[in-house]
Amino acid sequence: MAESTYKIIELVGTSDKSWEEAAKSAIETASKSLRDLRIAEITKLDMTIQDSKVTAYRARVSVSFKYVREED
């Protein structure tokens, strides 16, 4: 197996529908500028409340992606 190096970053996605949509939004947005996303782990879920009603769902997601070695 070849040696690999991965970076882990934290993202926060939001949705007015669900935590699943919030997490999906975070990954889909990150995938537009990052390559080789590997693993996503939801680390925290919370909600925004206004006037006693849930107005938004937030998902904090740790995501790993592979560093690409530049050729010498």
PDB file of N, CA and C in Angstrom:
ATOM      1  N   MET A   1       0.839  -1.183   0.000  1.00  0.00           N
ATOM      2  CA  MET A   1       0.000   0.000   0.000  1.00  0.00           C
ATOM      3  C   MET A   1       0.881   1.242   0.000  1.00  0.00           C
ATOM      4  N   ALA A   2       0.595   2.170  -0.869  1.00  0.00           N
ATOM      5  CA  ALA A   2       1.371   3.407  -0.955  1.00  0.00           C
ATOM      6  C   ALA A   2       1.068   4.288   0.253  1.00  0.00           C
ATOM      7  N   GLU A   3       2.052   5.091   0.627  1.00  0.00           N
ATOM      8  CA  GLU A   3       1.866   6.018   1.735  1.00  0.00           C
ATOM      9  C   GLU A   3       0.958   7.160   1.309  1.00  0.00           C
ATOM     10  N   SER A   4       0.104   7.622   2.221  1.00  0.00           N
ATOM     11  CA  SER A   4      -0.812   8.721   1.937  1.00  0.00           C
ATOM     12  C   SER A   4      -0.862   9.657   3.131  1.00  0.00           C
ATOM     13  N   THR A   5      -1.205  10.898   2.862  1.00  0.00           N
ATOM     14  CA  THR A   5      -1.400  11.891   3.908  1.00  0.00           C
ATOM     15  C   THR A   5      -2.757  12.533   3.701  1.00  0.00           C
ATOM     16  N   TYR A   6      -3.493  12.696   4.799  1.00  0.00           N
ATOM     17  CA  TYR A   6      -4.825  13.271   4.743  1.00  0.00           C
ATOM     18  C   TYR A   6      -4.922  14.476   5.662  1.00  0.00           C
ATOM     19  N   LYS A   7      -5.689  15.455   5.257  1.00  0.00           N
ATOM     20  CA  LYS A   7      -5.975  16.646   6.043  1.00  0.00           C
ATOM     21  C   LYS A   7      -7.413  16.526   6.528  1.00  0.00           C
ATOM     22  N   ILE A   8      -7.668  16.944   7.759  1.00  0.00           N
ATOM     23  CA  ILE A   8      -9.022  16.937   8.300  1.00  0.00           C
ATOM     24  C   ILE A   8      -9.422  18.386   8.578  1.00  0.00           C
ATOM     25  N   ILE A   9     -10.588  18.770   8.046  1.00  0.00           N
ATOM     26  CA  ILE A   9     -11.111  20.114   8.273  1.00  0.00           C
ATOM     27  C   ILE A   9     -12.510  20.005   8.871  1.00  0.00           C
ATOM     28  N   GLU A  10     -12.962  21.100   9.436  1.00  0.00           N
ATOM     29  CA  GLU A  10     -14.297  21.131  10.008  1.00  0.00           C
ATOM     30  C   GLU A  10     -15.169  22.087   9.193  1.00  0.00           C
ATOM     31  N   LEU A  11     -16.365  21.631   8.858  1.00  0.00           N
ATOM     32  CA  LEU A  11     -17.320  22.422   8.093  1.00  0.00           C
ATOM     33  C   LEU A  11     -18.615  22.536   8.884  1.00  0.00           C
ATOM     34  N   VAL A  12     -19.381  23.581   8.619  1.00  0.00           N
ATOM     35  CA  VAL A  12     -20.720  23.706   9.183  1.00  0.00           C
ATOM     36  C   VAL A  12     -21.680  23.960   8.029  1.00  0.00           C
ATOM     37  N   GLY A  13     -22.637  23.056   7.875  1.00  0.00           N
ATOM     38  CA  GLY A  13     -23.661  23.213   6.848  1.00  0.00           C
ATOM     39  C   GLY A  13     -24.981  23.594   7.502  1.00  0.00           C
ATOM     40  N   THR A  14     -25.815  24.311   6.779  1.00  0.00           N
ATOM     41  CA  THR A  14     -27.110  24.718   7.313  1.00  0.00           C
ATOM     42  C   THR A  14     -28.226  24.337   6.347  1.00  0.00           C
ATOM     43  N   SER A  15     -29.414  24.160   6.903  1.00  0.00           N
ATOM     44  CA  SER A  15     -30.598  23.854   6.103  1.00  0.00           C
ATOM     45  C   SER A  15     -31.830  24.271   6.885  1.00  0.00           C
ATOM     46  N   ASP A  16     -32.854  24.663   6.186  1.00  0.00           N
ATOM     47  CA  ASP A  16     -34.119  24.946   6.868  1.00  0.00           C
ATOM     48  C   ASP A  16     -35.021  23.712   6.914  1.00  0.00           C
ATOM     49  N   LYS A  17     -34.518  22.567   6.389  1.00  0.00           N
ATOM     50  CA  LYS A  17     -35.319  21.340   6.326  1.00  0.00           C
ATOM     51  C   LYS A  17     -34.892  20.262   7.323  1.00  0.00           C
ATOM     52  N   SER A  18     -33.563  19.955   7.387  1.00  0.00           N
ATOM     53  CA  SER A  18     -33.125  18.832   8.226  1.00  0.00           C
ATOM     54  C   SER A  18     -31.619  18.861   8.455  1.00  0.00           C
ATOM     55  N   TRP A  19     -31.187  18.081   9.449  1.00  0.00           N
ATOM     56  CA  TRP A  19     -29.751  17.932   9.688  1.00  0.00           C
ATOM     57  C   TRP A  19     -29.090  17.205   8.528  1.00  0.00           C
ATOM     58  N   GLU A  20     -29.779  16.245   7.953  1.00  0.00           N
ATOM     59  CA  GLU A  20     -29.216  15.515   6.820  1.00  0.00           C
ATOM     60  C   GLU A  20     -28.936  16.454   5.647  1.00  0.00           C
ATOM     61  N   GLU A  21     -29.878  17.343   5.370  1.00  0.00           N
ATOM     62  CA  GLU A  21     -29.681  18.313   4.292  1.00  0.00           C
ATOM     63  C   GLU A  21     -28.552  19.289   4.630  1.00  0.00           C
ATOM     64  N   ALA A  22     -28.419  19.641   5.901  1.00  0.00           N
ATOM     65  CA  ALA A  22     -27.342  20.546   6.321  1.00  0.00           C
ATOM     66  C   ALA A  22     -25.982  19.889   6.092  1.00  0.00           C
ATOM     67  N   ALA A  23     -25.846  18.622   6.480  1.00  0.00           N
ATOM     68  CA  ALA A  23     -24.578  17.906   6.288  1.00  0.00           C
ATOM     69  C   ALA A  23     -24.285  17.727   4.801  1.00  0.00           C
ATOM     70  N   LYS A  24     -25.290  17.373   4.036  1.00  0.00           N
ATOM     71  CA  LYS A  24     -25.130  17.191   2.591  1.00  0.00           C
ATOM     72  C   LYS A  24     -24.691  18.493   1.931  1.00  0.00           C
ATOM     73  N   SER A  25     -25.268  19.597   2.344  1.00  0.00           N
ATOM     74  CA  SER A  25     -24.905  20.898   1.799  1.00  0.00           C
ATOM     75  C   SER A  25     -23.435  21.223   2.063  1.00  0.00           C
ATOM     76  N   ALA A  26     -22.971  20.927   3.273  1.00  0.00           N
ATOM     77  CA  ALA A  26     -21.563  21.185   3.616  1.00  0.00           C
ATOM     78  C   ALA A  26     -20.627  20.400   2.705  1.00  0.00           C
ATOM     79  N   ILE A  27     -20.920  19.125   2.495  1.00  0.00           N
ATOM     80  CA  ILE A  27     -20.064  18.274   1.669  1.00  0.00           C
ATOM     81  C   ILE A  27     -20.127  18.690   0.204  1.00  0.00           C
ATOM     82  N   GLU A  28     -21.310  18.957  -0.300  1.00  0.00           N
ATOM     83  CA  GLU A  28     -21.437  19.347  -1.709  1.00  0.00           C
ATOM     84  C   GLU A  28     -20.732  20.676  -1.991  1.00  0.00           C
ATOM     85  N   THR A  29     -20.805  21.602  -1.062  1.00  0.00           N
ATOM     86  CA  THR A  29     -20.113  22.877  -1.244  1.00  0.00           C
ATOM     87  C   THR A  29     -18.607  22.686  -1.200  1.00  0.00           C
ATOM     88  N   ALA A  30     -18.117  21.918  -0.230  1.00  0.00           N
ATOM     89  CA  ALA A  30     -16.670  21.686  -0.108  1.00  0.00           C
ATOM     90  C   ALA A  30     -16.123  20.943  -1.322  1.00  0.00           C
ATOM     91  N   SER A  31     -16.904  20.041  -1.891  1.00  0.00           N
ATOM     92  CA  SER A  31     -16.420  19.243  -3.026  1.00  0.00           C
ATOM     93  C   SER A  31     -16.198  20.078  -4.284  1.00  0.00           C
ATOM     94  N   LYS A  32     -16.709  21.301  -4.309  1.00  0.00           N
ATOM     95  CA  LYS A  32     -16.488  22.170  -5.457  1.00  0.00           C
ATOM     96  C   LYS A  32     -15.065  22.720  -5.496  1.00  0.00           C
ATOM     97  N   SER A  33     -14.399  22.767  -4.336  1.00  0.00           N
ATOM     98  CA  SER A  33     -13.038  23.314  -4.313  1.00  0.00           C
ATOM     99  C   SER A  33     -11.996  22.343  -3.757  1.00  0.00           C
ATOM    100  N   LEU A  34     -12.415  21.235  -3.179  1.00  0.00           N
ATOM    101  CA  LEU A  34     -11.484  20.240  -2.642  1.00  0.00           C
ATOM    102  C   LEU A  34     -11.606  18.950  -3.439  1.00  0.00           C
ATOM    103  N   ARG A  35     -10.458  18.274  -3.631  1.00  0.00           N
ATOM    104  CA  ARG A  35     -10.474  16.999  -4.346  1.00  0.00           C
ATOM    105  C   ARG A  35     -10.263  15.851  -3.374  1.00  0.00           C
ATOM    106  N   ASP A  36     -10.680  14.697  -3.792  1.00  0.00           N
ATOM    107  CA  ASP A  36     -10.458  13.454  -3.053  1.00  0.00           C
ATOM    108  C   ASP A  36     -10.981  13.483  -1.625  1.00  0.00           C
ATOM    109  N   LEU A  37     -12.220  13.991  -1.449  1.00  0.00           N
ATOM    110  CA  LEU A  37     -12.849  13.896  -0.134  1.00  0.00           C
ATOM    111  C   LEU A  37     -13.010  12.418   0.190  1.00  0.00           C
ATOM    112  N   ARG A  38     -12.705  12.031   1.429  1.00  0.00           N
ATOM    113  CA  ARG A  38     -12.690  10.609   1.773  1.00  0.00           C
ATOM    114  C   ARG A  38     -13.749  10.215   2.797  1.00  0.00           C
ATOM    115  N   ILE A  39     -13.710  10.839   3.957  1.00  0.00           N
ATOM    116  CA  ILE A  39     -14.584  10.451   5.063  1.00  0.00           C
ATOM    117  C   ILE A  39     -15.207  11.707   5.657  1.00  0.00           C
ATOM    118  N   ALA A  40     -16.478  11.623   6.000  1.00  0.00           N
ATOM    119  CA  ALA A  40     -17.153  12.718   6.700  1.00  0.00           C
ATOM    120  C   ALA A  40     -17.748  12.158   7.993  1.00  0.00           C
ATOM    121  N   GLU A  41     -17.519  12.874   9.075  1.00  0.00           N
ATOM    122  CA  GLU A  41     -18.050  12.463  10.372  1.00  0.00           C
ATOM    123  C   GLU A  41     -18.834  13.634  10.959  1.00  0.00           C
ATOM    124  N   ILE A  42     -20.100  13.398  11.253  1.00  0.00           N
ATOM    125  CA  ILE A  42     -20.896  14.447  11.884  1.00  0.00           C
ATOM    126  C   ILE A  42     -20.519  14.498  13.352  1.00  0.00           C
ATOM    127  N   THR A  43     -20.046  15.668  13.786  1.00  0.00           N
ATOM    128  CA  THR A  43     -19.548  15.804  15.153  1.00  0.00           C
ATOM    129  C   THR A  43     -20.489  16.568  16.075  1.00  0.00           C
ATOM    130  N   LYS A  44     -21.412  17.334  15.493  1.00  0.00           N
ATOM    131  CA  LYS A  44     -22.340  18.096  16.324  1.00  0.00           C
ATOM    132  C   LYS A  44     -23.555  18.495  15.496  1.00  0.00           C
ATOM    133  N   LEU A  45     -24.719  18.432  16.118  1.00  0.00           N
ATOM    134  CA  LEU A  45     -25.956  18.880  15.500  1.00  0.00           C
ATOM    135  C   LEU A  45     -26.588  19.927  16.404  1.00  0.00           C
ATOM    136  N   ASP A  46     -27.069  21.021  15.812  1.00  0.00           N
ATOM    137  CA  ASP A  46     -27.805  21.997  16.599  1.00  0.00           C
ATOM    138  C   ASP A  46     -28.847  22.684  15.728  1.00  0.00           C
ATOM    139  N   MET A  47     -29.665  23.525  16.367  1.00  0.00           N
ATOM    140  CA  MET A  47     -30.747  24.208  15.668  1.00  0.00           C
ATOM    141  C   MET A  47     -30.765  25.679  16.054  1.00  0.00           C
ATOM    142  N   THR A  48     -31.295  26.487  15.157  1.00  0.00           N
ATOM    143  CA  THR A  48     -31.569  27.885  15.440  1.00  0.00           C
ATOM    144  C   THR A  48     -33.065  27.992  15.739  1.00  0.00           C
ATOM    145  N   ILE A  49     -33.395  28.715  16.807  1.00  0.00           N
ATOM    146  CA  ILE A  49     -34.791  28.848  17.224  1.00  0.00           C
ATOM    147  C   ILE A  49     -35.170  30.326  17.256  1.00  0.00           C
ATOM    148  N   GLN A  50     -36.303  30.647  16.659  1.00  0.00           N
ATOM    149  CA  GLN A  50     -36.848  32.003  16.709  1.00  0.00           C
ATOM    150  C   GLN A  50     -38.337  31.910  17.018  1.00  0.00           C
ATOM    151  N   ASP A  51     -38.797  32.722  17.945  1.00  0.00           N
ATOM    152  CA  ASP A  51     -40.215  32.718  18.333  1.00  0.00           C
ATOM    153  C   ASP A  51     -40.712  31.315  18.648  1.00  0.00           C
ATOM    154  N   SER A  52     -39.888  30.570  19.381  1.00  0.00           N
ATOM    155  CA  SER A  52     -40.225  29.212  19.825  1.00  0.00           C
ATOM    156  C   SER A  52     -40.378  28.206  18.683  1.00  0.00           C
ATOM    157  N   LYS A  53     -39.833  28.528  17.511  1.00  0.00           N
ATOM    158  CA  LYS A  53     -39.893  27.598  16.371  1.00  0.00           C
ATOM    159  C   LYS A  53     -38.499  27.375  15.805  1.00  0.00           C
ATOM    160  N   VAL A  54     -38.266  26.150  15.362  1.00  0.00           N
ATOM    161  CA  VAL A  54     -36.993  25.824  14.720  1.00  0.00           C
ATOM    162  C   VAL A  54     -36.970  26.493  13.352  1.00  0.00           C
ATOM    163  N   THR A  55     -35.921  27.293  13.112  1.00  0.00           N
ATOM    164  CA  THR A  55     -35.817  27.990  11.826  1.00  0.00           C
ATOM    165  C   THR A  55     -34.682  27.470  10.959  1.00  0.00           C
ATOM    166  N   ALA A  56     -33.721  26.762  11.573  1.00  0.00           N
ATOM    167  CA  ALA A  56     -32.609  26.214  10.783  1.00  0.00           C
ATOM    168  C   ALA A  56     -31.948  25.076  11.542  1.00  0.00           C
ATOM    169  N   TYR A  57     -31.436  24.136  10.776  1.00  0.00           N
ATOM    170  CA  TYR A  57     -30.672  23.018  11.302  1.00  0.00           C
ATOM    171  C   TYR A  57     -29.217  23.231  10.906  1.00  0.00           C
ATOM    172  N   ARG A  58     -28.290  22.914  11.820  1.00  0.00           N
ATOM    173  CA  ARG A  58     -26.861  23.037  11.512  1.00  0.00           C
ATOM    174  C   ARG A  58     -26.163  21.723  11.835  1.00  0.00           C
ATOM    175  N   ALA A  59     -25.288  21.321  10.946  1.00  0.00           N
ATOM    176  CA  ALA A  59     -24.501  20.109  11.149  1.00  0.00           C
ATOM    177  C   ALA A  59     -23.023  20.466  11.052  1.00  0.00           C
ATOM    178  N   ARG A  60     -22.266  20.154  12.104  1.00  0.00           N
ATOM    179  CA  ARG A  60     -20.813  20.328  12.074  1.00  0.00           C
ATOM    180  C   ARG A  60     -20.220  19.004  11.614  1.00  0.00           C
ATOM    181  N   VAL A  61     -19.389  19.070  10.574  1.00  0.00           N
ATOM    182  CA  VAL A  61     -18.882  17.870   9.922  1.00  0.00           C
ATOM    183  C   VAL A  61     -17.360  17.938   9.822  1.00  0.00           C
ATOM    184  N   SER A  62     -16.683  16.894  10.287  1.00  0.00           N
ATOM    185  CA  SER A  62     -15.242  16.758  10.065  1.00  0.00           C
ATOM    186  C   SER A  62     -15.056  15.967   8.777  1.00  0.00           C
ATOM    187  N   VAL A  63     -14.252  16.507   7.875  1.00  0.00           N
ATOM    188  CA  VAL A  63     -14.074  15.902   6.557  1.00  0.00           C
ATOM    189  C   VAL A  63     -12.583  15.698   6.304  1.00  0.00           C
ATOM    190  N   SER A  64     -12.233  14.532   5.784  1.00  0.00           N
ATOM    191  CA  SER A  64     -10.835  14.301   5.417  1.00  0.00           C
ATOM    192  C   SER A  64     -10.712  14.277   3.899  1.00  0.00           C
ATOM    193  N   PHE A  65      -9.562  14.772   3.433  1.00  0.00           N
ATOM    194  CA  PHE A  65      -9.257  14.697   2.009  1.00  0.00           C
ATOM    195  C   PHE A  65      -7.775  14.419   1.853  1.00  0.00           C
ATOM    196  N   LYS A  66      -7.445  13.827   0.736  1.00  0.00           N
ATOM    197  CA  LYS A  66      -6.080  13.364   0.492  1.00  0.00           C
ATOM    198  C   LYS A  66      -5.228  14.476  -0.091  1.00  0.00           C
ATOM    199  N   TYR A  67      -4.034  14.640   0.482  1.00  0.00           N
ATOM    200  CA  TYR A  67      -3.058  15.550  -0.106  1.00  0.00           C
ATOM    201  C   TYR A  67      -2.484  14.901  -1.367  1.00  0.00           C
ATOM    202  N   VAL A  68      -2.316  15.684  -2.389  1.00  0.00           N
ATOM    203  CA  VAL A  68      -1.752  15.184  -3.633  1.00  0.00           C
ATOM    204  C   VAL A  68      -0.289  15.574  -3.673  1.00  0.00           C
ATOM    205  N   ARG A  69       0.561  14.595  -3.844  1.00  0.00           N
ATOM    206  CA  ARG A  69       2.010  14.853  -3.913  1.00  0.00           C
ATOM    207  C   ARG A  69       2.352  15.397  -5.277  1.00  0.00           C
ATOM    208  N   GLU A  70       2.987  16.540  -5.294  1.00  0.00           N
ATOM    209  CA  GLU A  70       3.453  17.135  -6.548  1.00  0.00           C
ATOM    210  C   GLU A  70       4.678  16.367  -7.038  1.00  0.00           C
ATOM    211  N   GLU A  71       4.765  16.171  -8.339  1.00  0.00           N
ATOM    212  CA  GLU A  71       5.914  15.476  -8.905  1.00  0.00           C
ATOM    213  C   GLU A  71       7.150  16.354  -8.796  1.00  0.00           C
ATOM    214  N   ASP A  72       8.279  15.744  -8.459  1.00  0.00           N
ATOM    215  CA  ASP A  72       9.542  16.503  -8.316  1.00  0.00           C
ATOM    216  C   ASP A  72      10.086  16.916  -9.651  1.00  0.00           C
TER     217      ASP A  72
END
